[in-house]
Amino acid sequence: MSRLDTERLVLRMFRESDLDAYAAMLGDPEVMRYLAPNPMTRAEAWRNMAMVLGHWQLRGFGLWALEERASGLLVGRAGCWLPEGWPGFEVGWALRRECWGRGYATEAARAAVHHAFTALGQTRVISLIRPDNARSIAVAARLGMTDCGKTDLNGNTTLIYALDRHANG
């Protein structure tokens, strides 16, 4: 499954033409504040995009590029994530700063959760969120996720929000 459609978004595979917008997003210190130690250079963003596509190849699922239907603008990424050594099957999201506050993260994550439960047969999904990331905690709450404790992720204390399939309907 390489594409999902929501009311306002197209969740699709990344393509090389996304690099300018993706590099701008990953180069923004505010976007990366809770995701990585530092903003990424353009070359690092390219490698990150290649890693996202490689995850699809290895696992058969992954993060989608989020394209705004009305404009065709790349607004972020969201989807399912389970790299080696990860603490659980994650649904994650990240948006360009100028797209915050529009409900896109919730819309995309809701589609990803549904996909995880229906198409991928998952019974539980998690989202790993830094404790001071109030925006992502709010998205997790809107999805019906609950705080299930903490873990250490790459040297950072990270909250584990979880949703069980039966709670999703």
C-alpha atoms as a PDB file:
ATOM      1  CA  MET A   1       0.000   0.000   0.000  1.00  0.00           C
ATOM      2  CA  SER A   2       1.802   3.086  -1.134  1.00  0.00           C
ATOM      3  CA  ARG A   3      -1.009   5.633  -0.946  1.00  0.00           C
ATOM      4  CA  LEU A   4      -3.886   6.640   1.327  1.00  0.00           C
ATOM      5  CA  ASP A   5      -6.298   9.522   0.852  1.00  0.00           C
ATOM      6  CA  THR A   6      -7.935  11.537   3.608  1.00  0.00           C
ATOM      7  CA  GLU A   7     -10.267  14.495   3.387  1.00  0.00           C
ATOM      8  CA  ARG A   8      -7.460  17.040   2.930  1.00  0.00           C
ATOM      9  CA  LEU A   9      -4.311  14.980   2.442  1.00  0.00           C
ATOM     10  CA  VAL A  10      -2.699  12.449   0.169  1.00  0.00           C
ATOM     11  CA  LEU A  11      -0.408  10.064   2.048  1.00  0.00           C
ATOM     12  CA  ARG A  12       2.008   8.805  -0.598  1.00  0.00           C
ATOM     13  CA  MET A  13       5.517   7.563  -1.141  1.00  0.00           C
ATOM     14  CA  PHE A  14       8.299  10.107  -1.085  1.00  0.00           C
ATOM     15  CA  ARG A  15       9.776  11.141  -4.419  1.00  0.00           C
ATOM     16  CA  GLU A  16      12.968  12.956  -5.272  1.00  0.00           C
ATOM     17  CA  SER A  17      11.051  16.134  -6.084  1.00  0.00           C
ATOM     18  CA  ASP A  18      10.054  16.324  -2.377  1.00  0.00           C
ATOM     19  CA  LEU A  19      13.640  17.007  -1.327  1.00  0.00           C
ATOM     20  CA  ASP A  20      13.490  20.818  -1.243  1.00  0.00           C
ATOM     21  CA  ALA A  21      10.419  20.898   1.018  1.00  0.00           C
ATOM     22  CA  TYR A  22      11.574  17.926   3.092  1.00  0.00           C
ATOM     23  CA  ALA A  23      15.032  19.426   3.627  1.00  0.00           C
ATOM     24  CA  ALA A  24      13.430  22.724   4.674  1.00  0.00           C
ATOM     25  CA  MET A  25      11.273  20.867   7.215  1.00  0.00           C
ATOM     26  CA  LEU A  26      14.131  18.792   8.656  1.00  0.00           C
ATOM     27  CA  GLY A  27      16.378  21.852   8.661  1.00  0.00           C
ATOM     28  CA  ASP A  28      13.955  23.841  10.831  1.00  0.00           C
ATOM     29  CA  PRO A  29      15.179  23.891  14.461  1.00  0.00           C
ATOM     30  CA  GLU A  30      11.610  24.125  15.804  1.00  0.00           C
ATOM     31  CA  VAL A  31      10.438  21.098  13.813  1.00  0.00           C
ATOM     32  CA  MET A  32      13.478  19.061  14.858  1.00  0.00           C
ATOM     33  CA  ARG A  33      13.418  20.200  18.491  1.00  0.00           C
ATOM     34  CA  TYR A  34      11.859  16.918  19.673  1.00  0.00           C
ATOM     35  CA  LEU A  35      12.999  14.628  16.866  1.00  0.00           C
ATOM     36  CA  ALA A  36      16.782  14.885  16.657  1.00  0.00           C
ATOM     37  CA  PRO A  37      19.725  16.502  18.411  1.00  0.00           C
ATOM     38  CA  ASN A  38      20.155  19.035  15.597  1.00  0.00           C
ATOM     39  CA  PRO A  39      18.413  20.247  12.449  1.00  0.00           C
ATOM     40  CA  MET A  40      19.476  18.297   9.370  1.00  0.00           C
ATOM     41  CA  THR A  41      21.474  19.540   6.428  1.00  0.00           C
ATOM     42  CA  ARG A  42      20.094  18.990   2.931  1.00  0.00           C
ATOM     43  CA  ALA A  43      22.366  15.954   2.499  1.00  0.00           C
ATOM     44  CA  GLU A  44      21.174  14.504   5.822  1.00  0.00           C
ATOM     45  CA  ALA A  45      17.554  15.102   4.798  1.00  0.00           C
ATOM     46  CA  TRP A  46      18.206  13.219   1.546  1.00  0.00           C
ATOM     47  CA  ARG A  47      19.658  10.287   3.496  1.00  0.00           C
ATOM     48  CA  ASN A  48      16.684  10.416   5.877  1.00  0.00           C
ATOM     49  CA  MET A  49      14.270  10.277   2.943  1.00  0.00           C
ATOM     50  CA  ALA A  50      16.224   7.317   1.533  1.00  0.00           C
ATOM     51  CA  MET A  51      16.004   5.606   4.948  1.00  0.00           C
ATOM     52  CA  VAL A  52      12.229   6.139   5.014  1.00  0.00           C
ATOM     53  CA  LEU A  53      11.942   4.559   1.558  1.00  0.00           C
ATOM     54  CA  GLY A  54      14.259   1.719   2.628  1.00  0.00           C
ATOM     55  CA  HIS A  55      11.992   0.997   5.608  1.00  0.00           C
ATOM     56  CA  TRP A  56       9.142   0.496   3.114  1.00  0.00           C
ATOM     57  CA  GLN A  57      11.306  -1.926   1.143  1.00  0.00           C
ATOM     58  CA  LEU A  58      12.353  -3.932   4.198  1.00  0.00           C
ATOM     59  CA  ARG A  59       9.121  -3.905   6.216  1.00  0.00           C
ATOM     60  CA  GLY A  60       6.397  -3.353   3.622  1.00  0.00           C
ATOM     61  CA  PHE A  61       5.125  -0.260   5.452  1.00  0.00           C
ATOM     62  CA  GLY A  62       6.556   3.048   6.586  1.00  0.00           C
ATOM     63  CA  LEU A  63       6.174   6.785   6.686  1.00  0.00           C
ATOM     64  CA  TRP A  64       4.279   8.547   3.930  1.00  0.00           C
ATOM     65  CA  ALA A  65       4.913  11.977   2.501  1.00  0.00           C
ATOM     66  CA  LEU A  66       1.905  14.149   3.365  1.00  0.00           C
ATOM     67  CA  GLU A  67       0.695  16.192   0.436  1.00  0.00           C
ATOM     68  CA  GLU A  68      -1.987  18.825   0.845  1.00  0.00           C
ATOM     69  CA  ARG A  69      -4.690  17.970  -1.701  1.00  0.00           C
ATOM     70  CA  ALA A  70      -5.679  21.571  -2.424  1.00  0.00           C
ATOM     71  CA  SER A  71      -2.170  22.865  -3.164  1.00  0.00           C
ATOM     72  CA  GLY A  72       0.043  19.834  -3.801  1.00  0.00           C
ATOM     73  CA  LEU A  73       2.374  21.162  -1.060  1.00  0.00           C
ATOM     74  CA  LEU A  74       4.431  18.667   0.950  1.00  0.00           C
ATOM     75  CA  VAL A  75       3.293  19.390   4.505  1.00  0.00           C
ATOM     76  CA  GLY A  76       5.125  16.651   6.392  1.00  0.00           C
ATOM     77  CA  ARG A  77       5.362  12.937   6.991  1.00  0.00           C
ATOM     78  CA  ALA A  78       3.364  10.382   8.958  1.00  0.00           C
ATOM     79  CA  GLY A  79       2.885   6.665   9.086  1.00  0.00           C
ATOM     80  CA  CYS A  80       4.014   3.414  10.624  1.00  0.00           C
ATOM     81  CA  TRP A  81       7.542   2.903  11.878  1.00  0.00           C
ATOM     82  CA  LEU A  82       9.343  -0.119  13.303  1.00  0.00           C
ATOM     83  CA  PRO A  83      13.113   0.019  12.797  1.00  0.00           C
ATOM     84  CA  GLU A  84      15.303  -2.648  14.362  1.00  0.00           C
ATOM     85  CA  GLY A  85      15.389  -2.367  18.155  1.00  0.00           C
ATOM     86  CA  TRP A  86      12.344  -0.051  18.383  1.00  0.00           C
ATOM     87  CA  PRO A  87      10.173  -0.465  21.507  1.00  0.00           C
ATOM     88  CA  GLY A  88       6.976  -1.162  19.535  1.00  0.00           C
ATOM     89  CA  PHE A  89       4.988  -0.592  16.364  1.00  0.00           C
ATOM     90  CA  GLU A  90       4.891   3.180  16.139  1.00  0.00           C
ATOM     91  CA  VAL A  91       2.601   5.618  14.408  1.00  0.00           C
ATOM     92  CA  GLY A  92       4.522   8.861  14.038  1.00  0.00           C
ATOM     93  CA  TRP A  93       4.142  12.273  12.458  1.00  0.00           C
ATOM     94  CA  ALA A  94       6.057  15.472  11.757  1.00  0.00           C
ATOM     95  CA  LEU A  95       4.863  18.592   9.954  1.00  0.00           C
ATOM     96  CA  ARG A  96       6.406  21.685   8.458  1.00  0.00           C
ATOM     97  CA  ARG A  97       6.066  24.501  10.986  1.00  0.00           C
ATOM     98  CA  GLU A  98       3.870  26.628   8.717  1.00  0.00           C
ATOM     99  CA  CYS A  99       1.371  23.741   8.664  1.00  0.00           C
ATOM    100  CA  TRP A 100       1.046  23.366  12.435  1.00  0.00           C
ATOM    101  CA  GLY A 101      -2.349  23.974  13.976  1.00  0.00           C
ATOM    102  CA  ARG A 102      -4.433  22.854  10.986  1.00  0.00           C
ATOM    103  CA  GLY A 103      -5.257  19.351  12.217  1.00  0.00           C
ATOM    104  CA  TYR A 104      -3.098  17.679   9.573  1.00  0.00           C
ATOM    105  CA  ALA A 105      -1.091  15.600  12.081  1.00  0.00           C
ATOM    106  CA  THR A 106      -4.257  14.188  13.635  1.00  0.00           C
ATOM    107  CA  GLU A 107      -5.832  13.534  10.232  1.00  0.00           C
ATOM    108  CA  ALA A 108      -2.766  11.722   8.899  1.00  0.00           C
ATOM    109  CA  ALA A 109      -2.066   9.814  12.114  1.00  0.00           C
ATOM    110  CA  ARG A 110      -5.697   8.675  12.338  1.00  0.00           C
ATOM    111  CA  ALA A 111      -5.386   7.240   8.809  1.00  0.00           C
ATOM    112  CA  ALA A 112      -2.092   5.553   9.749  1.00  0.00           C
ATOM    113  CA  VAL A 113      -3.605   4.011  12.904  1.00  0.00           C
ATOM    114  CA  HIS A 114      -6.546   2.694  10.892  1.00  0.00           C
ATOM    115  CA  HIS A 115      -4.138   1.258   8.310  1.00  0.00           C
ATOM    116  CA  ALA A 116      -2.022  -0.381  11.049  1.00  0.00           C
ATOM    117  CA  PHE A 117      -5.059  -2.056  12.593  1.00  0.00           C
ATOM    118  CA  THR A 118      -6.849  -3.081   9.401  1.00  0.00           C
ATOM    119  CA  ALA A 119      -4.310  -3.635   6.614  1.00  0.00           C
ATOM    120  CA  LEU A 120      -1.295  -4.537   8.770  1.00  0.00           C
ATOM    121  CA  GLY A 121      -3.102  -6.557  11.449  1.00  0.00           C
ATOM    122  CA  GLN A 122      -1.564  -4.753  14.408  1.00  0.00           C
ATOM    123  CA  THR A 123      -3.308  -5.063  17.770  1.00  0.00           C
ATOM    124  CA  ARG A 124      -1.458  -2.175  19.444  1.00  0.00           C
ATOM    125  CA  VAL A 125       0.271   0.954  18.209  1.00  0.00           C
ATOM    126  CA  ILE A 126       2.454   3.368  20.123  1.00  0.00           C
ATOM    127  CA  SER A 127       3.716   6.883  19.647  1.00  0.00           C
ATOM    128  CA  LEU A 128       7.014   7.893  21.214  1.00  0.00           C
ATOM    129  CA  ILE A 129       6.865  11.509  22.360  1.00  0.00           C
ATOM    130  CA  ARG A 130       9.280  13.677  24.300  1.00  0.00           C
ATOM    131  CA  PRO A 131       7.668  14.854  27.576  1.00  0.00           C
ATOM    132  CA  ASP A 132       7.798  18.561  26.663  1.00  0.00           C
ATOM    133  CA  ASN A 133       6.245  18.097  23.202  1.00  0.00           C
ATOM    134  CA  ALA A 134       2.766  19.356  24.094  1.00  0.00           C
ATOM    135  CA  ARG A 135       1.568  19.478  20.474  1.00  0.00           C
ATOM    136  CA  SER A 136       2.293  15.794  19.825  1.00  0.00           C
ATOM    137  CA  ILE A 137       0.858  14.791  23.196  1.00  0.00           C
ATOM    138  CA  ALA A 138      -2.348  16.582  22.165  1.00  0.00           C
ATOM    139  CA  VAL A 139      -2.407  14.675  18.852  1.00  0.00           C
ATOM    140  CA  ALA A 140      -1.946  11.373  20.702  1.00  0.00           C
ATOM    141  CA  ALA A 141      -4.831  12.279  23.029  1.00  0.00           C
ATOM    142  CA  ARG A 142      -7.078  13.106  20.053  1.00  0.00           C
ATOM    143  CA  LEU A 143      -6.281   9.653  18.665  1.00  0.00           C
ATOM    144  CA  GLY A 144      -7.408   8.077  21.949  1.00  0.00           C
ATOM    145  CA  MET A 145      -3.906   7.095  23.015  1.00  0.00           C
ATOM    146  CA  THR A 146      -3.004   6.940  26.683  1.00  0.00           C
ATOM    147  CA  ASP A 147       0.286   7.488  28.493  1.00  0.00           C
ATOM    148  CA  CYS A 148       1.746   4.050  29.222  1.00  0.00           C
ATOM    149  CA  GLY A 149       5.059   4.999  30.765  1.00  0.00           C
ATOM    150  CA  LYS A 150       8.524   6.026  29.684  1.00  0.00           C
ATOM    151  CA  THR A 151      11.467   4.616  27.803  1.00  0.00           C
ATOM    152  CA  ASP A 152      14.948   5.786  26.941  1.00  0.00           C
ATOM    153  CA  LEU A 153      15.195   6.481  23.223  1.00  0.00           C
ATOM    154  CA  ASN A 154      18.591   7.519  21.892  1.00  0.00           C
ATOM    155  CA  GLY A 155      19.566   8.937  25.277  1.00  0.00           C
ATOM    156  CA  ASN A 156      16.316  10.865  25.788  1.00  0.00           C
ATOM    157  CA  THR A 157      13.472  10.150  28.171  1.00  0.00           C
ATOM    158  CA  THR A 158      10.491   9.487  25.935  1.00  0.00           C
ATOM    159  CA  LEU A 159       6.846   8.933  26.793  1.00  0.00           C
ATOM    160  CA  ILE A 160       5.077   5.926  25.337  1.00  0.00           C
ATOM    161  CA  TYR A 161       1.513   6.655  24.260  1.00  0.00           C
ATOM    162  CA  ALA A 162      -0.438   3.596  23.191  1.00  0.00           C
ATOM    163  CA  LEU A 163      -3.715   2.596  21.608  1.00  0.00           C
ATOM    164  CA  ASP A 164      -5.080  -0.941  21.502  1.00  0.00           C
ATOM    165  CA  ARG A 165      -7.066  -2.106  18.501  1.00  0.00           C
ATOM    166  CA  HIS A 166     -10.240  -2.719  20.545  1.00  0.00           C
ATOM    167  CA  ALA A 167     -10.117   0.894  21.773  1.00  0.00           C
ATOM    168  CA  ASN A 168     -10.116   2.080  18.152  1.00  0.00           C
ATOM    169  CA  GLY A 169     -13.371   0.363  17.277  1.00  0.00           C
END
